[in-house]
Amino acid sequence: MVTADFDVLGHEAQLGVLLDLARAATARFDLPDGLAIRLVNLSENATYEVSAPDGRRWALRIHREGYHSKTAIASELAWLIDLRAKGIVVTPVPVPGRDGQVIQVVPHPRMTRPRHVVLSHWEEGIEPDISHDLIAPFRVLGETAARMHGHAQGWKRPDGFTRQVWNFDTALGETRPHWGRWREGLGVDAARAALFGRTVAKIGERLAAYGAGPDRFGLIHCDLRLANLLIDGAQVKVIDFDDCGFSWFMYDAATPVSFYEHEPQVPDLIEAWVEGYRRVRPLSQADEAEIPTFVMLRRLLLVAWIGSHAETDLARSMGLAYTEGTMGLCDRYLTRFG
């Protein structure tokens, strides 16, 4: 008898179940026969490239169980659809299913509950790499972020719109952090916990002084890391709005350097981002001065994420070295702001 036991399956068996579900999901859409389905990313969600014999392609995303409600996913899609429609930024275009719904609910006998699935048209472009010359793309990204922030401030959100809030408590707090507790990151021993704790306290102190008024805090992408960007000529496209929510606008200046905060080119990349941002939207000196705090917040948030997502390829690739590298960043941050 087949039972709903996905969580206790081994990694390879889970991949098999997800692929089965992806195949079943494609039948919900008006797609041609002879499709090829290839896993391209497994992180919070499983994302597949779906290819037709005639060359057309789509991206199919199977949402992780329990991370977002159907209403929250619909809210994400409403924002990215309006961003594209208003010419703010190129975002994915969701494809309605045969029933007219862009969010499909697809069951599998090895899963306790069905998963939410979204299919989008494939976007062309190259994922940027930290080894590339990214100064010009980061200027464009700064302009793009400024337009997105302006749009979010003036947009009338649909009734029932709901997304996560990314503030100090939900990022680095002790009781309800979205991505787990930084204290439970890989290799966070007593000495590291003491250093990280002092850094977290300083971040909290500075953010409390900085404030979260409507000129500084609103709806943002929250995860503009390189893997969620596509460079297509001079254009920078933004994909994967899965973590979009309410946070400080300047947090979007920190997320593009995610996992590479320690690299020597990061200050120049952030300077390029700021330059681009100011081409579109005012940015005060106080806002710019707090970007290092958001970079440090993001770094420690990712230490927590790696610890709570050890099953993912990305977490395994970062591993203990990421925690170790965070120590020097904490030292520099405390020297600067302590």
C-alpha atoms as a PDB file:
ATOM      1  CA  MET A   1       0.000   0.000   0.000  1.00  0.00           C
ATOM      2  CA  VAL A   2       1.296   3.488  -0.862  1.00  0.00           C
ATOM      3  CA  THR A   3       1.525   5.776   2.161  1.00  0.00           C
ATOM      4  CA  ALA A   4       2.067   9.499   2.635  1.00  0.00           C
ATOM      5  CA  ASP A   5       5.627   9.403   3.980  1.00  0.00           C
ATOM      6  CA  PHE A   6       7.521  11.952   1.888  1.00  0.00           C
ATOM      7  CA  ASP A   7       9.377  13.477   4.855  1.00  0.00           C
ATOM      8  CA  VAL A   8      10.975  10.175   5.856  1.00  0.00           C
ATOM      9  CA  LEU A   9      12.130   9.257   2.366  1.00  0.00           C
ATOM     10  CA  GLY A  10      15.790   9.550   1.436  1.00  0.00           C
ATOM     11  CA  HIS A  11      16.986  12.437  -0.717  1.00  0.00           C
ATOM     12  CA  GLU A  12      16.970  10.525  -4.000  1.00  0.00           C
ATOM     13  CA  ALA A  13      13.527   9.082  -3.303  1.00  0.00           C
ATOM     14  CA  GLN A  14      12.201  12.573  -2.546  1.00  0.00           C
ATOM     15  CA  LEU A  15      13.582  13.807  -5.856  1.00  0.00           C
ATOM     16  CA  GLY A  16      11.724  10.985  -7.585  1.00  0.00           C
ATOM     17  CA  VAL A  17       8.444  11.914  -5.920  1.00  0.00           C
ATOM     18  CA  LEU A  18       8.896  15.594  -6.808  1.00  0.00           C
ATOM     19  CA  LEU A  19       9.580  14.677 -10.435  1.00  0.00           C
ATOM     20  CA  ASP A  20       6.436  12.540 -10.497  1.00  0.00           C
ATOM     21  CA  LEU A  21       4.472  15.472  -9.128  1.00  0.00           C
ATOM     22  CA  ALA A  22       6.012  17.830 -11.717  1.00  0.00           C
ATOM     23  CA  ARG A  23       4.937  15.471 -14.509  1.00  0.00           C
ATOM     24  CA  ALA A  24       1.417  15.305 -13.095  1.00  0.00           C
ATOM     25  CA  ALA A  25       1.301  19.085 -12.780  1.00  0.00           C
ATOM     26  CA  THR A  26       2.111  19.687 -16.458  1.00  0.00           C
ATOM     27  CA  ALA A  27      -1.143  17.911 -17.348  1.00  0.00           C
ATOM     28  CA  ARG A  28      -2.985  20.780 -15.636  1.00  0.00           C
ATOM     29  CA  PHE A  29      -1.799  23.196 -18.345  1.00  0.00           C
ATOM     30  CA  ASP A  30      -2.387  23.439 -22.075  1.00  0.00           C
ATOM     31  CA  LEU A  31       1.058  22.201 -23.067  1.00  0.00           C
ATOM     32  CA  PRO A  32       2.180  20.115 -26.057  1.00  0.00           C
ATOM     33  CA  ASP A  33       3.063  16.422 -25.918  1.00  0.00           C
ATOM     34  CA  GLY A  34       6.633  15.155 -25.614  1.00  0.00           C
ATOM     35  CA  LEU A  35       7.718  17.420 -22.760  1.00  0.00           C
ATOM     36  CA  ALA A  36      11.156  17.114 -21.148  1.00  0.00           C
ATOM     37  CA  ILE A  37      11.332  17.993 -17.451  1.00  0.00           C
ATOM     38  CA  ARG A  38      14.639  18.857 -15.756  1.00  0.00           C
ATOM     39  CA  LEU A  39      15.301  19.919 -12.167  1.00  0.00           C
ATOM     40  CA  VAL A  40      17.176  23.229 -12.131  1.00  0.00           C
ATOM     41  CA  ASN A  41      17.015  24.189  -8.463  1.00  0.00           C
ATOM     42  CA  LEU A  42      16.030  22.642  -5.146  1.00  0.00           C
ATOM     43  CA  SER A  43      15.957  25.096  -2.288  1.00  0.00           C
ATOM     44  CA  GLU A  44      12.830  26.279  -0.506  1.00  0.00           C
ATOM     45  CA  ASN A  45      10.984  25.031  -3.583  1.00  0.00           C
ATOM     46  CA  ALA A  46      11.691  22.642  -6.440  1.00  0.00           C
ATOM     47  CA  THR A  47      12.002  24.400  -9.795  1.00  0.00           C
ATOM     48  CA  TYR A  48      11.989  22.562 -13.115  1.00  0.00           C
ATOM     49  CA  GLU A  49      12.672  23.516 -16.704  1.00  0.00           C
ATOM     50  CA  VAL A  50       9.873  22.193 -18.908  1.00  0.00           C
ATOM     51  CA  SER A  51      10.844  21.966 -22.592  1.00  0.00           C
ATOM     52  CA  ALA A  52       8.654  21.250 -25.624  1.00  0.00           C
ATOM     53  CA  PRO A  53       9.892  19.603 -28.842  1.00  0.00           C
ATOM     54  CA  ASP A  54       9.337  22.897 -30.689  1.00  0.00           C
ATOM     55  CA  GLY A  55      11.801  24.722 -28.420  1.00  0.00           C
ATOM     56  CA  ARG A  56       9.360  26.503 -26.137  1.00  0.00           C
ATOM     57  CA  ARG A  57      10.241  26.433 -22.427  1.00  0.00           C
ATOM     58  CA  TRP A  58       8.582  27.082 -19.104  1.00  0.00           C
ATOM     59  CA  ALA A  59       9.627  27.171 -15.456  1.00  0.00           C
ATOM     60  CA  LEU A  60       7.557  25.026 -13.113  1.00  0.00           C
ATOM     61  CA  ARG A  61       7.793  25.652  -9.392  1.00  0.00           C
ATOM     62  CA  ILE A  62       6.589  23.194  -6.746  1.00  0.00           C
ATOM     63  CA  HIS A  63       6.199  25.111  -3.519  1.00  0.00           C
ATOM     64  CA  ARG A  64       7.580  23.740  -0.294  1.00  0.00           C
ATOM     65  CA  GLU A  65       4.906  22.449   2.058  1.00  0.00           C
ATOM     66  CA  GLY A  66       3.886  24.836   4.810  1.00  0.00           C
ATOM     67  CA  TYR A  67       6.050  27.806   3.829  1.00  0.00           C
ATOM     68  CA  HIS A  68       3.383  29.933   2.119  1.00  0.00           C
ATOM     69  CA  SER A  69      -0.387  29.739   1.986  1.00  0.00           C
ATOM     70  CA  LYS A  70      -2.219  29.824  -1.333  1.00  0.00           C
ATOM     71  CA  THR A  71      -3.273  33.389  -0.504  1.00  0.00           C
ATOM     72  CA  ALA A  72       0.334  34.427   0.105  1.00  0.00           C
ATOM     73  CA  ILE A  73       1.419  32.890  -3.220  1.00  0.00           C
ATOM     74  CA  ALA A  74      -1.440  34.685  -4.991  1.00  0.00           C
ATOM     75  CA  SER A  75      -0.227  37.927  -3.372  1.00  0.00           C
ATOM     76  CA  GLU A  76       3.323  37.328  -4.629  1.00  0.00           C
ATOM     77  CA  LEU A  77       2.034  36.738  -8.154  1.00  0.00           C
ATOM     78  CA  ALA A  78      -0.215  39.809  -8.051  1.00  0.00           C
ATOM     79  CA  TRP A  79       2.777  42.031  -7.310  1.00  0.00           C
ATOM     80  CA  LEU A  80       5.164  40.580  -9.882  1.00  0.00           C
ATOM     81  CA  ILE A  81       2.420  40.656 -12.555  1.00  0.00           C
ATOM     82  CA  ASP A  82       1.734  44.339 -11.875  1.00  0.00           C
ATOM     83  CA  LEU A  83       5.458  45.174 -11.833  1.00  0.00           C
ATOM     84  CA  ARG A  84       5.800  43.741 -15.329  1.00  0.00           C
ATOM     85  CA  ALA A  85       2.553  45.251 -16.595  1.00  0.00           C
ATOM     86  CA  LYS A  86       3.632  48.732 -15.445  1.00  0.00           C
ATOM     87  CA  GLY A  87       7.069  48.383 -17.090  1.00  0.00           C
ATOM     88  CA  ILE A  88       8.905  48.548 -13.759  1.00  0.00           C
ATOM     89  CA  VAL A  89      10.971  45.379 -14.245  1.00  0.00           C
ATOM     90  CA  VAL A  90      10.869  42.187 -16.304  1.00  0.00           C
ATOM     91  CA  THR A  91       9.450  39.438 -14.108  1.00  0.00           C
ATOM     92  CA  PRO A  92       8.173  35.918 -14.852  1.00  0.00           C
ATOM     93  CA  VAL A  93       4.789  35.607 -16.586  1.00  0.00           C
ATOM     94  CA  PRO A  94       2.576  32.984 -14.899  1.00  0.00           C
ATOM     95  CA  VAL A  95       0.607  30.619 -17.137  1.00  0.00           C
ATOM     96  CA  PRO A  96      -3.025  29.857 -16.206  1.00  0.00           C
ATOM     97  CA  GLY A  97      -3.992  26.213 -16.005  1.00  0.00           C
ATOM     98  CA  ARG A  98      -6.782  24.636 -18.017  1.00  0.00           C
ATOM     99  CA  ASP A  99      -9.154  25.773 -15.270  1.00  0.00           C
ATOM    100  CA  GLY A 100      -7.980  29.390 -15.570  1.00  0.00           C
ATOM    101  CA  GLN A 101      -6.122  29.354 -12.249  1.00  0.00           C
ATOM    102  CA  VAL A 102      -2.422  30.270 -12.081  1.00  0.00           C
ATOM    103  CA  ILE A 103      -1.946  28.321  -8.833  1.00  0.00           C
ATOM    104  CA  GLN A 104      -2.569  24.617  -9.217  1.00  0.00           C
ATOM    105  CA  VAL A 105      -3.012  22.334  -6.215  1.00  0.00           C
ATOM    106  CA  VAL A 106      -1.478  18.962  -7.098  1.00  0.00           C
ATOM    107  CA  PRO A 107      -1.562  15.860  -4.858  1.00  0.00           C
ATOM    108  CA  HIS A 108       0.794  12.905  -4.709  1.00  0.00           C
ATOM    109  CA  PRO A 109       0.122   9.635  -2.855  1.00  0.00           C
ATOM    110  CA  ARG A 110       3.474   9.891  -1.016  1.00  0.00           C
ATOM    111  CA  MET A 111       2.608  13.340   0.353  1.00  0.00           C
ATOM    112  CA  THR A 112       0.302  14.122   3.257  1.00  0.00           C
ATOM    113  CA  ARG A 113      -0.991  17.283   1.591  1.00  0.00           C
ATOM    114  CA  PRO A 114      -1.035  18.477  -2.024  1.00  0.00           C
ATOM    115  CA  ARG A 115       1.521  21.032  -3.160  1.00  0.00           C
ATOM    116  CA  HIS A 116       0.962  24.416  -4.769  1.00  0.00           C
ATOM    117  CA  VAL A 117       2.412  24.582  -8.286  1.00  0.00           C
ATOM    118  CA  VAL A 118       2.978  27.593 -10.552  1.00  0.00           C
ATOM    119  CA  LEU A 119       4.073  27.490 -14.203  1.00  0.00           C
ATOM    120  CA  SER A 120       5.676  30.548 -15.848  1.00  0.00           C
ATOM    121  CA  HIS A 121       7.032  31.296 -19.285  1.00  0.00           C
ATOM    122  CA  TRP A 122      10.795  30.820 -19.414  1.00  0.00           C
ATOM    123  CA  GLU A 123      12.837  34.036 -19.218  1.00  0.00           C
ATOM    124  CA  GLU A 124      16.017  34.239 -21.254  1.00  0.00           C
ATOM    125  CA  GLY A 125      19.201  35.490 -19.658  1.00  0.00           C
ATOM    126  CA  ILE A 126      22.371  34.465 -17.866  1.00  0.00           C
ATOM    127  CA  GLU A 127      22.628  34.087 -14.114  1.00  0.00           C
ATOM    128  CA  PRO A 128      25.406  36.464 -12.992  1.00  0.00           C
ATOM    129  CA  ASP A 129      28.454  35.038 -11.281  1.00  0.00           C
ATOM    130  CA  ILE A 130      30.471  36.791  -8.585  1.00  0.00           C
ATOM    131  CA  SER A 131      33.597  36.273 -10.736  1.00  0.00           C
ATOM    132  CA  HIS A 132      32.088  38.423 -13.518  1.00  0.00           C
ATOM    133  CA  ASP A 133      32.456  42.184 -13.839  1.00  0.00           C
ATOM    134  CA  LEU A 134      29.162  43.138 -12.196  1.00  0.00           C
ATOM    135  CA  ILE A 135      29.615  46.881 -11.731  1.00  0.00           C
ATOM    136  CA  ALA A 136      27.334  47.852 -14.636  1.00  0.00           C
ATOM    137  CA  PRO A 137      24.662  45.226 -13.800  1.00  0.00           C
ATOM    138  CA  PHE A 138      24.632  46.400 -10.172  1.00  0.00           C
ATOM    139  CA  ARG A 139      23.997  49.971 -11.308  1.00  0.00           C
ATOM    140  CA  VAL A 140      21.053  48.680 -13.328  1.00  0.00           C
ATOM    141  CA  LEU A 141      19.933  46.597 -10.354  1.00  0.00           C
ATOM    142  CA  GLY A 142      20.015  49.696  -8.147  1.00  0.00           C
ATOM    143  CA  GLU A 143      17.810  51.524 -10.647  1.00  0.00           C
ATOM    144  CA  THR A 144      15.497  48.530 -10.785  1.00  0.00           C
ATOM    145  CA  ALA A 145      15.205  48.287  -7.008  1.00  0.00           C
ATOM    146  CA  ALA A 146      14.405  52.006  -6.801  1.00  0.00           C
ATOM    147  CA  ARG A 147      11.598  51.612  -9.340  1.00  0.00           C
ATOM    148  CA  MET A 148      10.249  48.585  -7.484  1.00  0.00           C
ATOM    149  CA  HIS A 149      10.260  50.467  -4.194  1.00  0.00           C
ATOM    150  CA  GLY A 150       8.476  53.429  -5.736  1.00  0.00           C
ATOM    151  CA  HIS A 151       5.890  51.129  -7.269  1.00  0.00           C
ATOM    152  CA  ALA A 152       5.307  49.344  -3.948  1.00  0.00           C
ATOM    153  CA  GLN A 153       4.728  52.611  -2.119  1.00  0.00           C
ATOM    154  CA  GLY A 154       2.105  53.768  -4.612  1.00  0.00           C
ATOM    155  CA  TRP A 155       0.473  50.433  -5.456  1.00  0.00           C
ATOM    156  CA  LYS A 156      -3.021  49.659  -4.213  1.00  0.00           C
ATOM    157  CA  ARG A 157      -2.608  46.094  -3.082  1.00  0.00           C
ATOM    158  CA  PRO A 158      -5.441  43.640  -3.773  1.00  0.00           C
ATOM    159  CA  ASP A 159      -7.854  42.828  -0.964  1.00  0.00           C
ATOM    160  CA  GLY A 160      -6.489  40.044   1.212  1.00  0.00           C
ATOM    161  CA  PHE A 161      -2.872  40.688   0.180  1.00  0.00           C
ATOM    162  CA  THR A 162      -0.574  38.937   2.638  1.00  0.00           C
ATOM    163  CA  ARG A 163       3.184  38.437   2.734  1.00  0.00           C
ATOM    164  CA  GLN A 164       5.762  37.784   5.429  1.00  0.00           C
ATOM    165  CA  VAL A 165       7.290  40.596   7.456  1.00  0.00           C
ATOM    166  CA  TRP A 166      11.092  40.568   7.603  1.00  0.00           C
ATOM    167  CA  ASN A 167      12.043  42.642  10.624  1.00  0.00           C
ATOM    168  CA  PHE A 168      14.668  42.150  13.319  1.00  0.00           C
ATOM    169  CA  ASP A 169      12.584  39.657  15.292  1.00  0.00           C
ATOM    170  CA  THR A 170      11.621  37.495  12.302  1.00  0.00           C
ATOM    171  CA  ALA A 171      15.181  37.516  10.971  1.00  0.00           C
ATOM    172  CA  LEU A 172      17.465  37.266  13.996  1.00  0.00           C
ATOM    173  CA  GLY A 173      15.108  37.128  16.960  1.00  0.00           C
ATOM    174  CA  GLU A 174      15.013  34.262  19.422  1.00  0.00           C
ATOM    175  CA  THR A 175      11.336  33.337  19.281  1.00  0.00           C
ATOM    176  CA  ARG A 176      10.001  33.397  15.705  1.00  0.00           C
ATOM    177  CA  PRO A 177      12.727  33.660  13.052  1.00  0.00           C
ATOM    178  CA  HIS A 178      11.500  32.658   9.593  1.00  0.00           C
ATOM    179  CA  TRP A 179      14.667  30.774   8.655  1.00  0.00           C
ATOM    180  CA  GLY A 180      15.643  29.304  11.993  1.00  0.00           C
ATOM    181  CA  ARG A 181      17.849  30.508  14.844  1.00  0.00           C
ATOM    182  CA  TRP A 182      21.326  31.759  14.040  1.00  0.00           C
ATOM    183  CA  ARG A 183      22.560  30.009  17.207  1.00  0.00           C
ATOM    184  CA  GLU A 184      21.774  26.698  15.471  1.00  0.00           C
ATOM    185  CA  GLY A 185      23.892  27.431  12.415  1.00  0.00           C
ATOM    186  CA  LEU A 186      26.611  24.988  11.411  1.00  0.00           C
ATOM    187  CA  GLY A 187      29.586  25.178  13.742  1.00  0.00           C
ATOM    188  CA  VAL A 188      28.198  27.902  16.007  1.00  0.00           C
ATOM    189  CA  ASP A 189      30.095  26.950  19.167  1.00  0.00           C
ATOM    190  CA  ALA A 190      30.285  28.991  22.363  1.00  0.00           C
ATOM    191  CA  ALA A 191      32.979  31.382  21.100  1.00  0.00           C
ATOM    192  CA  ARG A 192      31.189  32.042  17.823  1.00  0.00           C
ATOM    193  CA  ALA A 193      27.851  32.391  19.579  1.00  0.00           C
ATOM    194  CA  ALA A 194      29.350  35.072  21.821  1.00  0.00           C
ATOM    195  CA  LEU A 195      30.744  37.028  18.851  1.00  0.00           C
ATOM    196  CA  PHE A 196      27.594  36.606  16.771  1.00  0.00           C
ATOM    197  CA  GLY A 197      25.466  37.565  19.771  1.00  0.00           C
ATOM    198  CA  ARG A 198      27.316  40.856  20.211  1.00  0.00           C
ATOM    199  CA  THR A 199      26.866  41.529  16.512  1.00  0.00           C
ATOM    200  CA  VAL A 200      23.157  40.733  16.624  1.00  0.00           C
ATOM    201  CA  ALA A 201      22.730  43.067  19.589  1.00  0.00           C
ATOM    202  CA  LYS A 202      24.475  45.893  17.721  1.00  0.00           C
ATOM    203  CA  ILE A 203      22.311  45.271  14.635  1.00  0.00           C
ATOM    204  CA  GLY A 204      19.178  45.438  16.785  1.00  0.00           C
ATOM    205  CA  GLU A 205      20.366  48.628  18.450  1.00  0.00           C
ATOM    206  CA  ARG A 206      21.084  50.351  15.149  1.00  0.00           C
ATOM    207  CA  LEU A 207      17.845  49.230  13.488  1.00  0.00           C
ATOM    208  CA  ALA A 208      15.803  50.459  16.436  1.00  0.00           C
ATOM    209  CA  ALA A 209      17.444  53.879  16.036  1.00  0.00           C
ATOM    210  CA  TYR A 210      17.039  53.780  12.241  1.00  0.00           C
ATOM    211  CA  GLY A 211      13.317  53.105  12.473  1.00  0.00           C
ATOM    212  CA  ALA A 212      10.784  51.493  10.183  1.00  0.00           C
ATOM    213  CA  GLY A 213       8.684  54.374   8.925  1.00  0.00           C
ATOM    214  CA  PRO A 214       6.929  54.189   5.530  1.00  0.00           C
ATOM    215  CA  ASP A 215       9.827  56.020   3.874  1.00  0.00           C
ATOM    216  CA  ARG A 216      12.189  53.196   4.933  1.00  0.00           C
ATOM    217  CA  PHE A 217      10.066  50.070   5.268  1.00  0.00           C
ATOM    218  CA  GLY A 218       7.649  48.525   2.784  1.00  0.00           C
ATOM    219  CA  LEU A 219       7.025  45.779   0.247  1.00  0.00           C
ATOM    220  CA  ILE A 220      10.315  44.607  -1.317  1.00  0.00           C
ATOM    221  CA  HIS A 221      11.772  41.575  -3.094  1.00  0.00           C
ATOM    222  CA  CYS A 222      13.861  40.538  -0.046  1.00  0.00           C
ATOM    223  CA  ASP A 223      16.042  38.065  -1.993  1.00  0.00           C
ATOM    224  CA  LEU A 224      17.795  39.778  -4.921  1.00  0.00           C
ATOM    225  CA  ARG A 225      20.720  37.358  -4.745  1.00  0.00           C
ATOM    226  CA  LEU A 226      22.567  36.533  -7.954  1.00  0.00           C
ATOM    227  CA  ALA A 227      20.636  33.281  -8.466  1.00  0.00           C
ATOM    228  CA  ASN A 228      17.411  35.308  -8.683  1.00  0.00           C
ATOM    229  CA  LEU A 229      18.676  37.644 -11.398  1.00  0.00           C
ATOM    230  CA  LEU A 230      19.053  37.174 -15.142  1.00  0.00           C
ATOM    231  CA  ILE A 231      21.273  39.385 -17.279  1.00  0.00           C
ATOM    232  CA  ASP A 232      19.967  39.735 -20.819  1.00  0.00           C
ATOM    233  CA  GLY A 233      22.114  42.242 -22.670  1.00  0.00           C
ATOM    234  CA  ALA A 234      21.907  45.514 -20.745  1.00  0.00           C
ATOM    235  CA  GLN A 235      18.762  44.366 -18.983  1.00  0.00           C
ATOM    236  CA  VAL A 236      18.575  42.857 -15.500  1.00  0.00           C
ATOM    237  CA  LYS A 237      15.500  40.671 -14.968  1.00  0.00           C
ATOM    238  CA  VAL A 238      14.234  39.699 -11.530  1.00  0.00           C
ATOM    239  CA  ILE A 239      12.825  36.235 -10.826  1.00  0.00           C
ATOM    240  CA  ASP A 240      11.780  34.176  -7.787  1.00  0.00           C
ATOM    241  CA  PHE A 241       9.655  36.457  -5.589  1.00  0.00           C
ATOM    242  CA  ASP A 242       9.105  33.610  -3.135  1.00  0.00           C
ATOM    243  CA  ASP A 243      10.503  35.583  -0.176  1.00  0.00           C
ATOM    244  CA  CYS A 244       9.073  38.984  -1.095  1.00  0.00           C
ATOM    245  CA  GLY A 245       7.493  40.721   1.843  1.00  0.00           C
ATOM    246  CA  PHE A 246       7.649  43.759   4.079  1.00  0.00           C
ATOM    247  CA  SER A 247      11.073  44.924   5.190  1.00  0.00           C
ATOM    248  CA  TRP A 248      13.478  47.834   5.010  1.00  0.00           C
ATOM    249  CA  PHE A 249      14.051  49.122   1.492  1.00  0.00           C
ATOM    250  CA  MET A 250      17.812  49.058   2.082  1.00  0.00           C
ATOM    251  CA  TYR A 251      17.650  45.323   2.755  1.00  0.00           C
ATOM    252  CA  ASP A 252      17.378  45.049  -1.032  1.00  0.00           C
ATOM    253  CA  ALA A 253      20.863  46.599  -1.201  1.00  0.00           C
ATOM    254  CA  ALA A 254      22.267  43.756   0.910  1.00  0.00           C
ATOM    255  CA  THR A 255      20.671  40.683  -0.640  1.00  0.00           C
ATOM    256  CA  PRO A 256      22.471  40.953  -4.026  1.00  0.00           C
ATOM    257  CA  VAL A 257      25.759  40.064  -2.308  1.00  0.00           C
ATOM    258  CA  SER A 258      24.265  37.094  -0.444  1.00  0.00           C
ATOM    259  CA  PHE A 259      26.804  34.322   0.239  1.00  0.00           C
ATOM    260  CA  TYR A 260      29.614  36.599  -1.038  1.00  0.00           C
ATOM    261  CA  GLU A 261      29.556  39.314   1.637  1.00  0.00           C
ATOM    262  CA  HIS A 262      33.227  38.609   2.395  1.00  0.00           C
ATOM    263  CA  GLU A 263      34.469  39.058  -1.183  1.00  0.00           C
ATOM    264  CA  PRO A 264      36.759  42.069  -1.819  1.00  0.00           C
ATOM    265  CA  GLN A 265      34.615  43.467  -4.657  1.00  0.00           C
ATOM    266  CA  VAL A 266      31.496  43.819  -2.487  1.00  0.00           C
ATOM    267  CA  PRO A 267      32.060  47.493  -1.440  1.00  0.00           C
ATOM    268  CA  ASP A 268      32.394  48.505  -5.106  1.00  0.00           C
ATOM    269  CA  LEU A 269      29.282  46.524  -6.041  1.00  0.00           C
ATOM    270  CA  ILE A 270      27.248  48.204  -3.319  1.00  0.00           C
ATOM    271  CA  GLU A 271      28.582  51.600  -4.382  1.00  0.00           C
ATOM    272  CA  ALA A 272      27.410  50.857  -7.941  1.00  0.00           C
ATOM    273  CA  TRP A 273      23.993  49.779  -6.604  1.00  0.00           C
ATOM    274  CA  VAL A 274      23.683  53.042  -4.658  1.00  0.00           C
ATOM    275  CA  GLU A 275      24.693  55.071  -7.710  1.00  0.00           C
ATOM    276  CA  GLY A 276      22.024  53.372  -9.787  1.00  0.00           C
ATOM    277  CA  TYR A 277      19.399  53.772  -7.084  1.00  0.00           C
ATOM    278  CA  ARG A 278      20.007  57.533  -6.872  1.00  0.00           C
ATOM    279  CA  ARG A 279      19.448  57.859 -10.616  1.00  0.00           C
ATOM    280  CA  VAL A 280      15.802  56.990  -9.973  1.00  0.00           C
ATOM    281  CA  ARG A 281      14.962  57.767  -6.361  1.00  0.00           C
ATOM    282  CA  PRO A 282      16.423  59.878  -3.540  1.00  0.00           C
ATOM    283  CA  LEU A 283      18.599  58.059  -1.045  1.00  0.00           C
ATOM    284  CA  SER A 284      19.619  59.833   2.127  1.00  0.00           C
ATOM    285  CA  GLN A 285      23.054  59.584   3.697  1.00  0.00           C
ATOM    286  CA  ALA A 286      21.393  57.923   6.705  1.00  0.00           C
ATOM    287  CA  ASP A 287      19.944  55.232   4.445  1.00  0.00           C
ATOM    288  CA  GLU A 288      23.285  54.618   2.728  1.00  0.00           C
ATOM    289  CA  ALA A 289      25.105  54.532   6.064  1.00  0.00           C
ATOM    290  CA  GLU A 290      22.930  51.680   7.292  1.00  0.00           C
ATOM    291  CA  ILE A 291      23.564  49.350   4.327  1.00  0.00           C
ATOM    292  CA  PRO A 292      26.460  47.603   6.178  1.00  0.00           C
ATOM    293  CA  THR A 293      23.982  46.758   8.952  1.00  0.00           C
ATOM    294  CA  PHE A 294      21.678  45.082   6.449  1.00  0.00           C
ATOM    295  CA  VAL A 295      24.593  43.204   4.896  1.00  0.00           C
ATOM    296  CA  MET A 296      25.509  41.901   8.355  1.00  0.00           C
ATOM    297  CA  LEU A 297      21.889  41.044   9.157  1.00  0.00           C
ATOM    298  CA  ARG A 298      21.627  39.100   5.921  1.00  0.00           C
ATOM    299  CA  ARG A 299      24.872  37.246   6.568  1.00  0.00           C
ATOM    300  CA  LEU A 300      23.725  36.037   9.981  1.00  0.00           C
ATOM    301  CA  LEU A 301      20.275  35.244   8.600  1.00  0.00           C
ATOM    302  CA  LEU A 302      21.966  33.003   6.034  1.00  0.00           C
ATOM    303  CA  VAL A 303      23.985  31.301   8.766  1.00  0.00           C
ATOM    304  CA  ALA A 304      20.597  30.405  10.267  1.00  0.00           C
ATOM    305  CA  TRP A 305      19.220  29.350   6.881  1.00  0.00           C
ATOM    306  CA  ILE A 306      22.128  27.004   6.187  1.00  0.00           C
ATOM    307  CA  GLY A 307      21.644  25.405   9.582  1.00  0.00           C
ATOM    308  CA  SER A 308      17.908  24.853   9.055  1.00  0.00           C
ATOM    309  CA  HIS A 309      18.185  23.783   5.399  1.00  0.00           C
ATOM    310  CA  ALA A 310      21.093  21.370   5.592  1.00  0.00           C
ATOM    311  CA  GLU A 311      19.364  19.052   3.101  1.00  0.00           C
ATOM    312  CA  THR A 312      19.677  21.533   0.216  1.00  0.00           C
ATOM    313  CA  ASP A 313      22.548  21.581  -2.268  1.00  0.00           C
ATOM    314  CA  LEU A 314      23.186  25.267  -1.571  1.00  0.00           C
ATOM    315  CA  ALA A 315      23.493  24.763   2.181  1.00  0.00           C
ATOM    316  CA  ARG A 316      25.834  21.809   1.668  1.00  0.00           C
ATOM    317  CA  SER A 317      28.017  23.851  -0.692  1.00  0.00           C
ATOM    318  CA  MET A 318      28.334  26.718   1.826  1.00  0.00           C
ATOM    319  CA  GLY A 319      28.724  24.527   4.911  1.00  0.00           C
ATOM    320  CA  LEU A 320      30.920  25.277   7.896  1.00  0.00           C
ATOM    321  CA  ALA A 321      33.197  27.583   5.892  1.00  0.00           C
ATOM    322  CA  TYR A 322      30.388  30.137   5.658  1.00  0.00           C
ATOM    323  CA  THR A 323      30.037  30.248   9.433  1.00  0.00           C
ATOM    324  CA  GLU A 324      33.800  30.543   9.854  1.00  0.00           C
ATOM    325  CA  GLY A 325      33.976  33.380   7.327  1.00  0.00           C
ATOM    326  CA  THR A 326      31.262  35.250   9.191  1.00  0.00           C
ATOM    327  CA  MET A 327      33.545  35.788  12.167  1.00  0.00           C
ATOM    328  CA  GLY A 328      35.799  38.252  10.360  1.00  0.00           C
ATOM    329  CA  LEU A 329      32.799  40.181   9.088  1.00  0.00           C
ATOM    330  CA  CYS A 330      31.440  40.432  12.635  1.00  0.00           C
ATOM    331  CA  ASP A 331      34.783  41.700  13.913  1.00  0.00           C
ATOM    332  CA  ARG A 332      34.912  44.390  11.233  1.00  0.00           C
ATOM    333  CA  TYR A 333      31.300  45.401  11.803  1.00  0.00           C
ATOM    334  CA  LEU A 334      31.779  45.753  15.558  1.00  0.00           C
ATOM    335  CA  THR A 335      35.005  47.701  15.047  1.00  0.00           C
ATOM    336  CA  ARG A 336      33.164  50.084  12.726  1.00  0.00           C
ATOM    337  CA  PHE A 337      29.995  50.536  14.758  1.00  0.00           C
ATOM    338  CA  GLY A 338      30.844  49.258  18.223  1.00  0.00           C
END
